[in-house]
Amino acid sequence: MSADAETSLSAPPPSLDRQQRWRLVLGDEADASCGKPSGAALEMDRALAALYDADGPGRGGSARVGGSGRGAPTVVRWLGDIRQYFPASVVQVMQKDALQRLHLNEMLLQPEMLEAVQPDVHLVASLVSLSRAIPAGTKETARRVVRQVVDALMKRLEEPLRSAVTGALDRSTRNRRPRHSEIDWHRTLRANLRHWQPELRTVIPERLHGHGRKSRRPQREVILCIDQSGSMAASVVYSSIFGAVLASLPAVSTKLVVFDTEVVDLSDQLDDPVELLFGVQLGGGTDIGQAVAYCQGLIRDPRNTIFVLISDLIEGGVEQRLLQRAAELVGSGVQCVALLALSDEGAPSYDRQIAAKLAGLGVPSFACTPDAFPGLMAAAIRREDVAGWAAQQGLVTSRA
C-alpha cells in the first residue's frame, strides 16, 4: 500500500451536522431544504453521486468512476476520495457497490487501482474470481493485496480457533487416573491448591488430572467441502483461513475440497492460504452430490471425522445422490454439518427444502459467522448436539 493511501486510511473522516448528513443521503434534490454542500461535504457528495445517482456522472463515458485505460487514474482518485472522507466500514460497502453497479471488475486488472483500494474480503473474492485474467504485471500486486487481507484475518481468527480446538481435544482425552507420564501438572496443581501444606511447602494433590495415551493416528479428521459458486465467495475466503489454521494443528488431519460442477482437492496447499485462494475458480454451477461422494472416499476413520459442507445447497446435480451420500456418512458415524454460509453477510439465500431434508437425516444446516466457527468446531469435536449448540448461539437452523 502506498504512503498516500496509508495516510488517507488513517485520517479521521470529517464530522458533519445532522442537516449535512441528510443532504448527503437525499442528494441534490434536497438542496432547497438542507442547503448546498461545501468543503468536505461537497467532496463526499461528489463521491456518492459518482456511484449512486441514477443519471449522475458514474454512468457515462466521461464517468468520474468507471471505464478503463485512461480512466484508471480517475478511479484511483475516486478511491482515494472515499478513503479520505468516509470511515473504513463505509469504504468497504462503497467498494463492493462500485464493483457491482459500475462494472469495475476490469479495473481490478490494473496495478494502480490495486494500490489504492482498501483491502477487504469482497475485494479478495473479486481478485480470486479474476485470477486467471489478471495480467502478469499485476499478479504480484494482486497477491500482495490478498496477503494483506489474509494476514489480517489470520491475526483475528487463528488464536480463537486454535484454542477452541485444542481445548476440546484435551477435554475429550482427559484421564482421571493418569500414569505419571500422562499427568497434566498445570491443571493438577490448579485443582489442588487448597491442599497446600505450609510445613512441607508443597501441594499434596487429592485428585490427579491428565490425558489418555497419545495415539499415532490423528485424534480428529476434518474435511471442509466448499461450494465455489459466485454466491459463496466470502465463505470461500474464510474457509481457506480456517483450513490453514486447522492444518497447522498436529492433532487434526485436515482436507479442503472445493467444487462447482467439478471437484478440486486443495489439501496440499493448506500451508499457504494465499496460494490456495488463487487455486479457486469462483463461479459456475454446482454438483454437491459429486463433491460429497469424493469427500466420502477420503474418510479413514468415520467415528473420528467431522465433515463440514459449506454451500447454499442449490443443487445443480442429482438431489437424491446428495441425500443418499449424506445418509451414508451419518450412518457410518461421521459428524456432519452443512453451513449455508461462513461469513458476516447476514441471512443467506439457500435451498430450504434440501436443508430440511438434510436436517431430517441428522445433518444440521445453518449459517455461521467467522467468529462463531471456533465454537462450532469445539462442539463437533466433543460430539455435542451441533443443532442444539447452533440454536443456543442464535444461529438460524433448518429443521426437518
Protein backbone atom coordinates (compact mmCIF):
# COMPACT_ATOMS: atom_id res chain seq x y z
CA MET A 1 0.00 0.00 0.00
CA SER A 2 1.34 3.46 -0.89
CA ALA A 3 2.21 6.06 1.74
CA ASP A 4 -0.59 8.34 0.49
CA ALA A 5 -3.09 5.53 0.80
CA GLU A 6 -1.95 4.76 4.32
CA THR A 7 -2.31 8.44 5.25
CA SER A 8 -5.83 8.69 3.89
CA LEU A 9 -6.79 5.47 5.62
CA SER A 10 -5.56 6.65 8.99
CA ALA A 11 -7.07 10.17 8.72
CA PRO A 12 -10.40 10.51 10.55
CA PRO A 13 -13.44 11.29 8.36
CA PRO A 14 -14.83 14.84 8.64
CA SER A 15 -17.62 15.47 11.13
CA LEU A 16 -20.94 16.69 9.70
CA ASP A 17 -24.04 18.02 11.38
CA ARG A 18 -27.41 16.32 11.08
CA GLN A 19 -28.62 18.56 8.21
CA GLN A 20 -25.46 17.93 6.17
CA ARG A 21 -25.77 14.17 6.64
CA TRP A 22 -29.39 14.23 5.43
CA ARG A 23 -28.28 16.23 2.37
CA LEU A 24 -25.75 13.50 1.53
CA VAL A 25 -28.42 10.84 1.89
CA LEU A 26 -31.07 12.64 -0.22
CA GLY A 27 -28.87 14.12 -2.97
CA ASP A 28 -29.16 17.39 -4.86
CA GLU A 29 -32.96 17.36 -4.73
CA ALA A 30 -32.61 18.32 -1.06
CA ASP A 31 -30.58 21.48 -1.75
CA ALA A 32 -33.57 23.72 -1.05
CA SER A 33 -34.30 22.22 2.36
CA CYS A 34 -30.84 21.22 3.54
CA GLY A 35 -28.60 23.67 1.69
CA LYS A 36 -25.92 23.03 -0.89
CA PRO A 37 -22.87 21.15 0.39
CA SER A 38 -19.49 22.81 0.53
CA GLY A 39 -15.96 21.90 1.53
CA ALA A 40 -15.58 18.31 2.67
CA ALA A 41 -19.33 17.71 2.37
CA LEU A 42 -19.17 18.70 -1.31
CA GLU A 43 -16.36 16.21 -1.97
CA MET A 44 -18.31 13.48 -0.18
CA ASP A 45 -21.40 14.32 -2.24
CA ARG A 46 -19.43 14.06 -5.47
CA ALA A 47 -18.07 10.64 -4.49
CA LEU A 48 -21.57 9.43 -3.62
CA ALA A 49 -23.06 10.88 -6.82
CA ALA A 50 -20.47 9.09 -8.92
CA LEU A 51 -21.64 5.81 -7.50
CA TYR A 52 -25.33 6.12 -6.64
CA ASP A 53 -27.01 8.85 -8.74
CA ALA A 54 -29.07 7.16 -11.43
CA ASP A 55 -28.28 9.82 -14.05
CA GLY A 56 -25.09 11.04 -12.45
CA PRO A 57 -21.50 11.07 -13.70
CA GLY A 58 -20.95 7.45 -12.72
CA ARG A 59 -22.92 6.25 -15.76
CA GLY A 60 -21.49 7.86 -18.85
CA GLY A 61 -18.35 7.70 -20.92
CA SER A 62 -16.95 10.70 -19.01
CA ALA A 63 -17.66 8.99 -15.73
CA ARG A 64 -15.80 10.06 -12.65
CA VAL A 65 -15.72 6.36 -11.77
CA GLY A 66 -15.65 3.62 -14.39
CA GLY A 67 -14.17 2.84 -17.72
CA SER A 68 -10.71 1.51 -18.44
CA GLY A 69 -7.45 2.61 -19.95
CA ARG A 70 -7.09 6.34 -19.40
CA GLY A 71 -9.91 6.19 -16.82
CA ALA A 72 -7.70 4.36 -14.35
CA PRO A 73 -6.21 7.48 -12.68
CA THR A 74 -9.77 8.81 -12.22
CA VAL A 75 -10.82 5.61 -10.46
CA VAL A 76 -7.78 5.80 -8.24
CA ARG A 77 -8.65 9.39 -7.31
CA TRP A 78 -12.21 8.35 -6.50
CA LEU A 79 -10.93 5.53 -4.29
CA GLY A 80 -8.64 7.98 -2.55
CA ASP A 81 -11.57 10.37 -2.02
CA ILE A 82 -13.80 7.81 -0.36
CA ARG A 83 -10.94 6.67 1.86
CA GLN A 84 -10.35 10.25 2.94
CA TYR A 85 -13.96 11.25 3.59
CA PHE A 86 -15.65 8.07 4.81
CA PRO A 87 -14.89 5.62 7.64
CA ALA A 88 -13.37 2.25 6.76
CA SER A 89 -16.63 0.31 7.19
CA VAL A 90 -18.38 2.61 4.69
CA VAL A 91 -15.45 2.45 2.26
CA GLN A 92 -15.78 -1.32 2.11
CA VAL A 93 -19.50 -1.06 1.28
CA MET A 94 -18.87 1.54 -1.42
CA GLN A 95 -16.09 -0.54 -3.00
CA LYS A 96 -18.39 -3.54 -3.16
CA ASP A 97 -21.23 -1.46 -4.63
CA ALA A 98 -18.87 0.05 -7.21
CA LEU A 99 -17.85 -3.38 -8.44
CA GLN A 100 -21.50 -4.32 -8.90
CA ARG A 101 -23.05 -1.03 -10.11
CA LEU A 102 -20.28 0.41 -12.24
CA HIS A 103 -18.83 -2.83 -13.61
CA LEU A 104 -15.35 -2.12 -12.32
CA ASN A 105 -14.11 -5.68 -12.39
CA GLU A 106 -11.85 -4.92 -15.33
CA MET A 107 -10.29 -2.12 -13.29
CA LEU A 108 -9.00 -4.67 -10.80
CA LEU A 109 -6.62 -5.77 -13.50
CA GLN A 110 -4.61 -2.54 -13.18
CA PRO A 111 -1.87 -2.20 -10.54
CA GLU A 112 -2.52 1.46 -9.73
CA MET A 113 -6.07 0.70 -8.64
CA LEU A 114 -4.99 -2.25 -6.54
CA GLU A 115 -2.56 0.03 -4.74
CA ALA A 116 -5.39 2.47 -3.96
CA VAL A 117 -8.19 0.20 -2.75
CA GLN A 118 -8.78 -0.66 0.87
CA PRO A 119 -8.33 -4.45 1.05
CA ASP A 120 -11.26 -6.47 2.39
CA VAL A 121 -12.89 -9.87 1.92
CA HIS A 122 -15.00 -8.72 -1.03
CA LEU A 123 -12.00 -7.35 -2.87
CA VAL A 124 -10.16 -10.63 -2.29
CA ALA A 125 -13.13 -12.51 -3.72
CA SER A 126 -13.08 -10.24 -6.79
CA LEU A 127 -9.35 -10.78 -7.31
CA VAL A 128 -9.74 -14.53 -6.90
CA SER A 129 -12.58 -14.62 -9.43
CA LEU A 130 -10.40 -12.70 -11.91
CA SER A 131 -7.16 -14.53 -11.10
CA ARG A 132 -6.91 -16.24 -14.48
CA ALA A 133 -7.40 -12.95 -16.32
CA ILE A 134 -5.01 -10.77 -14.31
CA PRO A 135 -2.01 -9.71 -16.46
CA ALA A 136 1.40 -10.92 -15.41
CA GLY A 137 2.47 -7.39 -14.46
CA THR A 138 -0.41 -7.09 -11.99
CA LYS A 139 -0.35 -10.53 -10.40
CA GLU A 140 2.26 -9.66 -7.79
CA THR A 141 0.27 -6.60 -6.73
CA ALA A 142 -2.89 -8.71 -6.54
CA ARG A 143 -1.15 -11.30 -4.38
CA ARG A 144 0.15 -8.56 -2.09
CA VAL A 145 -3.38 -7.20 -1.63
CA VAL A 146 -4.76 -10.69 -0.95
CA ARG A 147 -1.98 -11.47 1.51
CA GLN A 148 -2.69 -8.26 3.41
CA VAL A 149 -6.30 -9.34 3.94
CA VAL A 150 -5.33 -12.94 4.73
CA ASP A 151 -2.77 -11.82 7.32
CA ALA A 152 -5.33 -9.57 8.99
CA LEU A 153 -7.88 -12.39 9.11
CA MET A 154 -5.31 -14.84 10.46
CA LYS A 155 -4.43 -12.38 13.21
CA ARG A 156 -8.10 -12.11 14.16
CA LEU A 157 -9.22 -15.71 13.78
CA GLU A 158 -6.24 -18.03 14.29
CA GLU A 159 -5.93 -17.99 18.07
CA PRO A 160 -9.67 -18.41 18.84
CA LEU A 161 -9.86 -21.45 16.57
CA ARG A 162 -6.61 -22.93 17.80
CA SER A 163 -7.64 -22.52 21.45
CA ALA A 164 -11.14 -23.88 20.89
CA VAL A 165 -9.99 -26.98 19.01
CA THR A 166 -7.06 -27.86 21.27
CA GLY A 167 -9.22 -27.30 24.34
CA ALA A 168 -11.92 -29.59 23.00
CA LEU A 169 -9.37 -32.24 22.10
CA ASP A 170 -7.83 -32.04 25.60
CA ARG A 171 -11.20 -32.46 27.26
CA SER A 172 -12.04 -35.41 25.05
CA THR A 173 -8.94 -37.27 26.24
CA ARG A 174 -8.83 -36.38 29.94
CA ASN A 175 -7.97 -39.18 32.28
CA ARG A 176 -8.88 -39.21 35.98
CA ARG A 177 -6.36 -41.96 36.70
CA PRO A 178 -3.35 -40.96 34.63
CA ARG A 179 0.00 -42.64 34.71
CA HIS A 180 2.94 -40.49 35.78
CA SER A 181 3.87 -39.65 32.17
CA GLU A 182 0.28 -38.68 31.41
CA ILE A 183 -0.29 -36.19 34.26
CA ASP A 184 -1.31 -32.65 33.31
CA TRP A 185 0.73 -30.94 36.02
CA HIS A 186 -0.56 -27.41 35.43
CA ARG A 187 -4.19 -28.45 35.69
CA THR A 188 -3.49 -30.79 38.62
CA LEU A 189 -1.81 -28.01 40.63
CA ARG A 190 -4.59 -25.51 39.90
CA ALA A 191 -7.24 -28.01 41.01
CA ASN A 192 -5.41 -28.87 44.27
CA LEU A 193 -4.15 -25.50 45.53
CA ARG A 194 -6.41 -25.81 48.59
CA HIS A 195 -4.28 -28.78 49.64
CA TRP A 196 -1.16 -26.65 50.11
CA GLN A 197 0.87 -27.88 53.10
CA PRO A 198 2.80 -24.93 54.63
CA GLU A 199 5.01 -27.08 56.79
CA LEU A 200 6.07 -29.15 53.80
CA ARG A 201 5.96 -26.22 51.39
CA THR A 202 4.23 -28.34 48.76
CA VAL A 203 0.85 -29.31 47.39
CA ILE A 204 -0.41 -32.80 48.09
CA PRO A 205 -2.85 -33.49 45.26
CA GLU A 206 -6.08 -35.22 46.18
CA ARG A 207 -7.00 -35.83 42.54
CA LEU A 208 -4.76 -36.14 39.50
CA HIS A 209 -5.70 -34.76 36.11
CA GLY A 210 -4.18 -35.98 32.90
CA HIS A 211 -4.64 -37.10 29.34
CA GLY A 212 -5.03 -40.51 27.82
CA ARG A 213 -2.25 -42.16 25.91
CA LYS A 214 -1.37 -40.38 22.72
CA SER A 215 -2.32 -42.16 19.57
CA ARG A 216 -0.23 -42.17 16.43
CA ARG A 217 -3.38 -41.63 14.42
CA PRO A 218 -4.74 -38.04 14.39
CA GLN A 219 -7.43 -37.65 17.02
CA ARG A 220 -9.76 -35.95 14.56
CA GLU A 221 -10.08 -35.75 10.81
CA VAL A 222 -11.73 -32.61 9.42
CA ILE A 223 -12.95 -32.30 5.84
CA LEU A 224 -14.04 -28.89 4.57
CA CYS A 225 -16.08 -29.25 1.37
CA ILE A 226 -16.63 -25.78 -0.10
CA ASP A 227 -19.03 -24.63 -2.79
CA GLN A 228 -17.10 -22.20 -5.02
CA SER A 229 -20.10 -20.77 -6.85
CA GLY A 230 -20.14 -16.98 -7.02
CA SER A 231 -22.63 -16.53 -4.17
CA MET A 232 -20.25 -18.28 -1.77
CA ALA A 233 -17.24 -16.01 -2.41
CA ALA A 234 -16.83 -14.66 1.13
CA SER A 235 -17.34 -18.15 2.56
CA VAL A 236 -14.51 -19.45 0.37
CA VAL A 237 -12.13 -16.81 1.75
CA TYR A 238 -12.95 -17.54 5.40
CA SER A 239 -12.90 -21.30 4.84
CA SER A 240 -9.40 -21.09 3.41
CA ILE A 241 -8.20 -19.24 6.52
CA PHE A 242 -9.77 -21.76 8.89
CA GLY A 243 -8.50 -24.68 6.82
CA ALA A 244 -4.95 -23.36 7.09
CA VAL A 245 -5.23 -22.98 10.86
CA LEU A 246 -6.67 -26.49 11.32
CA ALA A 247 -3.96 -27.96 9.11
CA SER A 248 -1.31 -26.47 11.42
CA LEU A 249 -2.62 -28.45 14.42
CA PRO A 250 -0.78 -31.78 14.80
CA ALA A 251 -3.80 -33.46 16.41
CA VAL A 252 -6.03 -32.72 13.41
CA SER A 253 -5.81 -34.10 9.87
CA THR A 254 -7.41 -31.55 7.55
CA LYS A 255 -8.64 -31.84 3.98
CA LEU A 256 -10.03 -28.96 1.92
CA VAL A 257 -12.03 -29.61 -1.23
CA VAL A 258 -13.69 -27.02 -3.48
CA PHE A 259 -16.29 -27.77 -6.10
CA ASP A 260 -18.65 -26.44 -8.73
CA THR A 261 -19.53 -28.98 -11.42
CA GLU A 262 -16.02 -30.37 -10.91
CA VAL A 263 -14.16 -31.27 -7.70
CA VAL A 264 -10.69 -29.95 -6.84
CA ASP A 265 -8.72 -31.15 -3.81
CA LEU A 266 -6.57 -28.29 -2.48
CA SER A 267 -5.41 -30.04 0.69
CA ASP A 268 -1.77 -29.87 -0.35
CA GLN A 269 -1.95 -26.04 -0.43
CA LEU A 270 -3.22 -25.52 3.11
CA ASP A 271 0.18 -24.28 4.28
CA ASP A 272 -0.33 -21.11 2.22
CA PRO A 273 -3.91 -19.77 2.13
CA VAL A 274 -2.98 -17.13 -0.45
CA GLU A 275 -1.86 -19.75 -2.95
CA LEU A 276 -4.90 -21.79 -2.05
CA LEU A 277 -7.24 -18.89 -2.83
CA PHE A 278 -5.61 -18.37 -6.21
CA GLY A 279 -6.29 -22.03 -6.91
CA VAL A 280 -10.03 -21.45 -6.52
CA GLN A 281 -12.23 -20.73 -9.54
CA LEU A 282 -15.25 -18.79 -8.29
CA GLY A 283 -18.46 -19.01 -10.29
CA GLY A 284 -20.14 -21.72 -12.32
CA GLY A 285 -22.70 -24.36 -11.47
CA THR A 286 -22.80 -26.89 -8.66
CA ASP A 287 -22.85 -30.65 -8.27
CA ILE A 288 -22.91 -31.08 -4.50
CA GLY A 289 -23.60 -34.81 -4.59
CA GLN A 290 -20.48 -35.43 -6.65
CA ALA A 291 -18.36 -33.41 -4.20
CA VAL A 292 -19.77 -35.24 -1.17
CA ALA A 293 -19.06 -38.57 -2.88
CA TYR A 294 -15.44 -37.53 -3.41
CA CYS A 295 -15.05 -36.49 0.23
CA GLN A 296 -16.60 -39.77 1.34
CA GLY A 297 -13.69 -41.52 -0.32
CA LEU A 298 -11.21 -39.53 1.81
CA ILE A 299 -12.57 -40.76 5.13
CA ARG A 300 -10.43 -43.29 7.00
CA ASP A 301 -11.98 -43.25 10.47
CA PRO A 302 -15.67 -42.27 10.33
CA ARG A 303 -16.15 -42.05 14.12
CA ASN A 304 -13.34 -39.51 14.34
CA THR A 305 -14.27 -37.48 11.25
CA ILE A 306 -16.01 -34.11 11.07
CA PHE A 307 -17.42 -33.30 7.64
CA VAL A 308 -18.34 -29.65 7.03
CA LEU A 309 -20.22 -28.89 3.82
CA ILE A 310 -20.19 -25.13 3.11
CA SER A 311 -22.84 -24.47 0.49
CA ASP A 312 -26.13 -22.71 -0.18
CA LEU A 313 -27.40 -26.21 -1.12
CA ILE A 314 -28.69 -25.04 -4.50
CA GLU A 315 -28.02 -28.35 -6.21
CA GLY A 316 -27.36 -28.42 -9.93
CA GLY A 317 -26.79 -32.17 -9.90
CA VAL A 318 -28.96 -35.04 -8.73
CA GLU A 319 -30.57 -34.19 -5.39
CA GLN A 320 -31.19 -37.82 -4.46
CA ARG A 321 -27.49 -38.64 -4.82
CA LEU A 322 -26.64 -35.85 -2.38
CA LEU A 323 -29.18 -37.08 0.15
CA GLN A 324 -28.07 -40.70 -0.22
CA ARG A 325 -24.41 -39.80 0.36
CA ALA A 326 -25.32 -37.67 3.37
CA ALA A 327 -27.33 -40.56 4.86
CA GLU A 328 -24.38 -42.91 4.35
CA LEU A 329 -21.99 -40.51 6.08
CA VAL A 330 -24.26 -40.10 9.10
CA GLY A 331 -24.89 -43.84 9.24
CA SER A 332 -21.17 -44.58 9.32
CA GLY A 333 -20.67 -42.31 12.34
CA VAL A 334 -19.30 -39.18 10.63
CA GLN A 335 -20.21 -35.90 12.36
CA CYS A 336 -21.80 -33.87 9.53
CA VAL A 337 -22.66 -30.17 9.39
CA ALA A 338 -23.94 -28.05 6.49
CA LEU A 339 -23.03 -24.37 6.71
CA LEU A 340 -25.26 -22.30 4.46
CA ALA A 341 -22.69 -19.50 4.66
CA LEU A 342 -19.48 -18.79 6.55
CA SER A 343 -19.44 -15.00 6.52
CA ASP A 344 -20.65 -11.81 8.22
CA GLU A 345 -23.14 -11.02 5.48
CA GLY A 346 -26.34 -11.93 7.33
CA ALA A 347 -29.03 -14.44 6.41
CA PRO A 348 -28.07 -16.25 3.18
CA SER A 349 -30.27 -17.39 0.32
CA TYR A 350 -30.38 -21.19 0.19
CA ASP A 351 -32.50 -24.19 -0.79
CA ARG A 352 -34.75 -24.62 2.22
CA GLN A 353 -36.19 -27.94 1.08
CA ILE A 354 -32.81 -29.63 0.78
CA ALA A 355 -31.71 -28.07 4.09
CA ALA A 356 -34.79 -29.53 5.78
CA LYS A 357 -34.19 -32.96 4.22
CA LEU A 358 -30.57 -32.94 5.39
CA ALA A 359 -31.71 -31.98 8.88
CA GLY A 360 -34.04 -34.97 8.81
CA LEU A 361 -31.03 -37.18 8.08
CA GLY A 362 -29.12 -35.76 11.04
CA VAL A 363 -27.15 -33.07 9.19
CA PRO A 364 -27.94 -29.70 10.82
CA SER A 365 -27.93 -26.75 8.42
CA PHE A 366 -27.36 -23.15 9.47
CA ALA A 367 -25.38 -20.04 8.60
CA CYS A 368 -22.31 -19.36 10.73
CA THR A 369 -20.24 -16.24 11.28
CA PRO A 370 -16.44 -16.48 11.28
CA ASP A 371 -16.36 -15.56 14.97
CA ALA A 372 -18.72 -18.44 15.82
CA PHE A 373 -16.84 -21.06 13.80
CA PRO A 374 -14.29 -21.95 16.54
CA GLY A 375 -17.13 -22.76 18.92
CA LEU A 376 -18.78 -24.89 16.26
CA MET A 377 -15.62 -26.94 15.76
CA ALA A 378 -15.20 -27.39 19.51
CA ALA A 379 -18.79 -28.63 19.83
CA ALA A 380 -18.31 -31.05 16.92
CA ILE A 381 -15.06 -32.42 18.38
CA ARG A 382 -16.83 -33.06 21.69
CA ARG A 383 -19.63 -34.75 19.69
CA GLU A 384 -22.24 -32.45 21.17
CA ASP A 385 -25.64 -31.82 19.60
CA VAL A 386 -24.49 -29.31 16.99
CA ALA A 387 -28.04 -28.23 16.11
CA GLY A 388 -28.67 -27.52 19.79
CA TRP A 389 -25.39 -25.61 20.03
CA ALA A 390 -26.35 -23.51 17.00
CA ALA A 391 -29.75 -22.72 18.49
CA GLN A 392 -28.10 -21.57 21.73
CA GLN A 393 -25.84 -19.25 19.73
CA GLY A 394 -28.83 -17.72 17.96
CA LEU A 395 -27.81 -19.13 14.58
CA VAL A 396 -30.65 -19.92 12.20
CA THR A 397 -31.13 -23.67 11.86
CA SER A 398 -33.12 -25.71 9.36
CA ARG A 399 -35.22 -28.48 10.82
CA ALA A 400 -36.89 -31.49 9.28
